[in-house]
């Protein structure tokens, strides 16, 4: 029997997919029916497609901006709200449905492993806010036109942290912190040495 969180995430993914009826849809229309309290779930769902081996032309920038915006507002303690330049952004319904359908198995897999653990750690002042700040930075990285192969690390970090905060699972939050440390090294190395030079290290 699937747990309640798995069923809930599956239901939300299907609802988002079913809302895409025309050729395109605005982000405001897509998320208008989602309860503001579920905004961290929005971040989790938007992070998943970057972990899939499918191209995201036309989606990576708005998804990254949305992840960064929602997470940063949560970090500031603000309610769910989208500015006009995000609300009015239109995305392809066909591409969005494909992404959401491909993301569902991954969401179910991750949800089976998460559960409330070490909640005392998450109740320490600043732990959740720090996690949200890290997620916002990951969203900003996803929105940038970076070289191929650099989306997955920040997406994985955002996925682990958002799911950890959502379920109050300190194990997932801890894994997210470790991933954030690694992507800091990764992008710091790219900034210093340059992407082509790094590819040469690996024989490309």
Protein backbone atom coordinates (compact mmCIF):
# COMPACT_ATOMS: atom_id res chain seq x y z
CA UNK A 1 0.00 0.00 0.00
CA UNK A 2 1.42 3.43 -0.93
CA UNK A 3 1.81 5.88 1.91
CA UNK A 4 -0.33 9.01 2.10
CA UNK A 5 2.47 11.31 0.93
CA UNK A 6 3.13 9.18 -2.16
CA UNK A 7 -0.58 9.26 -3.01
CA UNK A 8 -0.74 13.01 -2.39
CA UNK A 9 2.22 13.79 -4.64
CA UNK A 10 0.86 11.48 -7.33
CA UNK A 11 -2.51 13.25 -7.13
CA UNK A 12 -0.89 16.69 -7.43
CA UNK A 13 1.21 15.65 -10.43
CA UNK A 14 -1.88 14.26 -12.16
CA UNK A 15 -3.88 17.40 -11.34
CA UNK A 16 -1.19 19.62 -12.82
CA UNK A 17 -1.00 17.44 -15.90
CA UNK A 18 -4.80 17.44 -16.35
CA UNK A 19 -4.90 21.23 -16.09
CA UNK A 20 -2.98 21.48 -19.38
CA UNK A 21 -5.86 21.39 -21.84
CA UNK A 22 -4.86 23.88 -24.53
CA UNK A 23 -1.67 24.37 -26.53
CA UNK A 24 -0.08 26.58 -23.86
CA UNK A 25 -0.78 27.52 -20.25
CA UNK A 26 0.42 30.32 -18.00
CA UNK A 27 2.18 29.56 -14.72
CA UNK A 28 -0.60 31.42 -12.91
CA UNK A 29 -3.22 29.08 -14.40
CA UNK A 30 -1.06 26.08 -13.60
CA UNK A 31 -0.65 26.80 -9.89
CA UNK A 32 -3.79 28.84 -9.14
CA UNK A 33 -5.63 25.86 -7.65
CA UNK A 34 -2.75 24.75 -5.43
CA UNK A 35 -3.09 25.66 -1.77
CA UNK A 36 -0.49 28.26 -0.63
CA UNK A 37 0.57 25.93 2.20
CA UNK A 38 1.79 23.48 -0.43
CA UNK A 39 4.31 25.91 -1.94
CA UNK A 40 7.26 23.77 -0.84
CA UNK A 41 5.57 20.91 -2.72
CA UNK A 42 5.57 23.15 -5.81
CA UNK A 43 9.33 23.54 -5.41
CA UNK A 44 9.74 19.76 -5.11
CA UNK A 45 7.65 19.08 -8.23
CA UNK A 46 9.46 21.75 -10.27
CA UNK A 47 12.88 20.34 -9.31
CA UNK A 48 12.13 16.79 -10.45
CA UNK A 49 12.21 17.33 -14.25
CA UNK A 50 15.85 18.46 -14.09
CA UNK A 51 16.75 14.98 -12.82
CA UNK A 52 15.23 13.28 -15.85
CA UNK A 53 17.10 12.48 -19.10
CA UNK A 54 14.79 14.69 -21.18
CA UNK A 55 15.42 18.13 -22.72
CA UNK A 56 13.67 21.09 -21.10
CA UNK A 57 13.74 23.85 -23.74
CA UNK A 58 11.38 26.62 -22.73
CA UNK A 59 10.91 25.19 -19.22
CA UNK A 60 14.29 25.38 -17.49
CA UNK A 61 14.37 29.16 -17.08
CA UNK A 62 10.76 29.66 -15.83
CA UNK A 63 11.01 26.59 -13.58
CA UNK A 64 14.32 27.78 -12.14
CA UNK A 65 13.01 31.30 -11.58
CA UNK A 66 9.87 29.93 -9.92
CA UNK A 67 11.89 27.67 -7.60
CA UNK A 68 14.12 30.57 -6.60
CA UNK A 69 11.21 33.00 -6.14
CA UNK A 70 8.99 30.70 -4.04
CA UNK A 71 11.88 29.49 -1.86
CA UNK A 72 13.21 32.99 -1.23
CA UNK A 73 9.76 34.26 -0.24
CA UNK A 74 9.42 31.31 2.15
CA UNK A 75 12.87 32.17 3.52
CA UNK A 76 11.58 35.68 4.21
CA UNK A 77 8.41 34.29 5.79
CA UNK A 78 6.17 35.66 3.02
CA UNK A 79 3.01 34.08 1.63
CA UNK A 80 2.65 32.51 -1.81
CA UNK A 81 2.54 35.19 -4.53
CA UNK A 82 3.76 35.44 -8.09
CA UNK A 83 4.80 38.68 -9.83
CA UNK A 84 3.28 39.47 -13.21
CA UNK A 85 6.40 38.53 -15.20
CA UNK A 86 6.21 35.01 -13.75
CA UNK A 87 2.41 34.68 -13.76
CA UNK A 88 2.14 35.54 -17.43
CA UNK A 89 4.89 33.18 -18.60
CA UNK A 90 3.38 30.63 -21.00
CA UNK A 91 4.69 27.08 -21.43
CA UNK A 92 3.83 24.32 -23.88
CA UNK A 93 1.13 21.99 -22.54
CA UNK A 94 2.40 19.01 -24.52
CA UNK A 95 5.92 19.40 -23.18
CA UNK A 96 4.68 20.07 -19.65
CA UNK A 97 2.47 16.96 -19.63
CA UNK A 98 5.39 14.86 -20.84
CA UNK A 99 7.65 16.22 -18.10
CA UNK A 100 5.07 15.68 -15.34
CA UNK A 101 4.28 12.14 -16.49
CA UNK A 102 7.98 11.24 -16.58
CA UNK A 103 8.49 12.81 -13.14
CA UNK A 104 5.76 10.79 -11.42
CA UNK A 105 7.72 7.50 -11.01
CA UNK A 106 10.72 9.39 -9.61
CA UNK A 107 8.50 11.29 -7.17
CA UNK A 108 6.94 8.05 -5.96
CA UNK A 109 10.35 6.42 -5.54
CA UNK A 110 11.72 9.27 -3.44
CA UNK A 111 8.55 9.50 -1.37
CA UNK A 112 8.87 5.88 -0.29
CA UNK A 113 12.16 6.64 1.47
CA UNK A 114 11.24 9.85 3.25
CA UNK A 115 9.62 10.04 6.69
CA UNK A 116 9.76 12.28 9.79
CA UNK A 117 13.21 11.68 11.29
CA UNK A 118 15.35 13.81 13.56
CA UNK A 119 12.68 16.51 13.75
CA UNK A 120 14.53 18.10 16.68
CA UNK A 121 17.28 19.13 14.25
CA UNK A 122 14.75 20.84 11.99
CA UNK A 123 13.29 22.70 14.95
CA UNK A 124 16.63 24.36 15.65
CA UNK A 125 16.31 28.06 14.89
CA UNK A 126 17.38 28.82 11.34
CA UNK A 127 17.64 25.24 10.01
CA UNK A 128 14.55 25.41 7.80
CA UNK A 129 15.32 28.96 6.72
CA UNK A 130 18.85 27.97 5.73
CA UNK A 131 17.44 25.06 3.72
CA UNK A 132 15.05 27.40 1.92
CA UNK A 133 17.89 29.82 1.18
CA UNK A 134 19.96 26.99 -0.32
CA UNK A 135 16.97 25.93 -2.44
CA UNK A 136 16.58 29.50 -3.70
CA UNK A 137 20.24 29.55 -4.75
CA UNK A 138 19.78 26.22 -6.54
CA UNK A 139 16.77 27.64 -8.39
CA UNK A 140 18.85 30.63 -9.48
CA UNK A 141 21.51 28.27 -10.86
CA UNK A 142 18.85 26.31 -12.76
CA UNK A 143 17.56 29.52 -14.36
CA UNK A 144 20.99 30.46 -15.71
CA UNK A 145 22.11 29.44 -19.24
CA UNK A 146 24.82 27.13 -17.91
CA UNK A 147 26.69 24.40 -19.85
CA UNK A 148 25.05 20.99 -20.43
CA UNK A 149 25.15 18.60 -17.49
CA UNK A 150 25.19 21.30 -14.81
CA UNK A 151 21.45 21.32 -14.07
CA UNK A 152 21.23 17.97 -12.31
CA UNK A 153 23.42 18.78 -9.23
CA UNK A 154 21.44 21.86 -8.10
CA UNK A 155 18.17 20.11 -9.00
CA UNK A 156 19.08 17.12 -6.84
CA UNK A 157 19.98 19.46 -3.98
CA UNK A 158 16.67 21.33 -4.28
CA UNK A 159 14.75 18.04 -4.49
CA UNK A 160 16.35 16.57 -1.36
CA UNK A 161 16.01 19.77 0.67
CA UNK A 162 12.41 20.49 -0.35
CA UNK A 163 11.30 16.92 0.35
CA UNK A 164 13.20 16.94 3.66
CA UNK A 165 11.51 20.18 4.74
CA UNK A 166 8.14 18.96 3.50
CA UNK A 167 8.33 15.73 5.52
CA UNK A 168 10.54 17.04 8.36
CA UNK A 169 13.15 14.43 7.49
CA UNK A 170 16.57 15.46 8.77
CA UNK A 171 18.24 12.68 6.77
CA UNK A 172 17.09 14.17 3.46
CA UNK A 173 17.93 17.68 4.68
CA UNK A 174 21.41 16.50 5.67
CA UNK A 175 21.90 14.89 2.25
CA UNK A 176 20.77 18.16 0.69
CA UNK A 177 23.37 20.08 2.71
CA UNK A 178 26.08 17.67 1.53
CA UNK A 179 24.96 18.12 -2.08
CA UNK A 180 24.98 21.90 -1.68
CA UNK A 181 28.57 21.75 -0.44
CA UNK A 182 29.51 19.65 -3.48
CA UNK A 183 27.81 21.94 -6.00
CA UNK A 184 29.56 24.90 -4.39
CA UNK A 185 32.85 23.15 -5.17
CA UNK A 186 31.62 22.25 -8.67
CA UNK A 187 30.52 25.71 -9.72
CA UNK A 188 33.45 27.32 -7.96
CA UNK A 189 35.77 25.10 -10.01
CA UNK A 190 33.90 25.99 -13.23
CA UNK A 191 34.15 29.67 -12.36
CA UNK A 192 37.90 29.48 -11.72
CA UNK A 193 39.05 27.03 -14.40
CA UNK A 194 36.33 27.33 -17.05
CA UNK A 195 34.02 24.61 -18.35
CA UNK A 196 36.06 23.65 -21.47
CA UNK A 197 39.21 23.27 -19.38
CA UNK A 198 37.44 20.97 -16.93
CA UNK A 199 36.14 18.80 -19.79
CA UNK A 200 39.75 18.34 -20.89
CA UNK A 201 40.53 16.83 -17.48
CA UNK A 202 38.10 14.03 -18.31
CA UNK A 203 39.35 13.52 -21.87
CA UNK A 204 36.58 15.41 -23.69
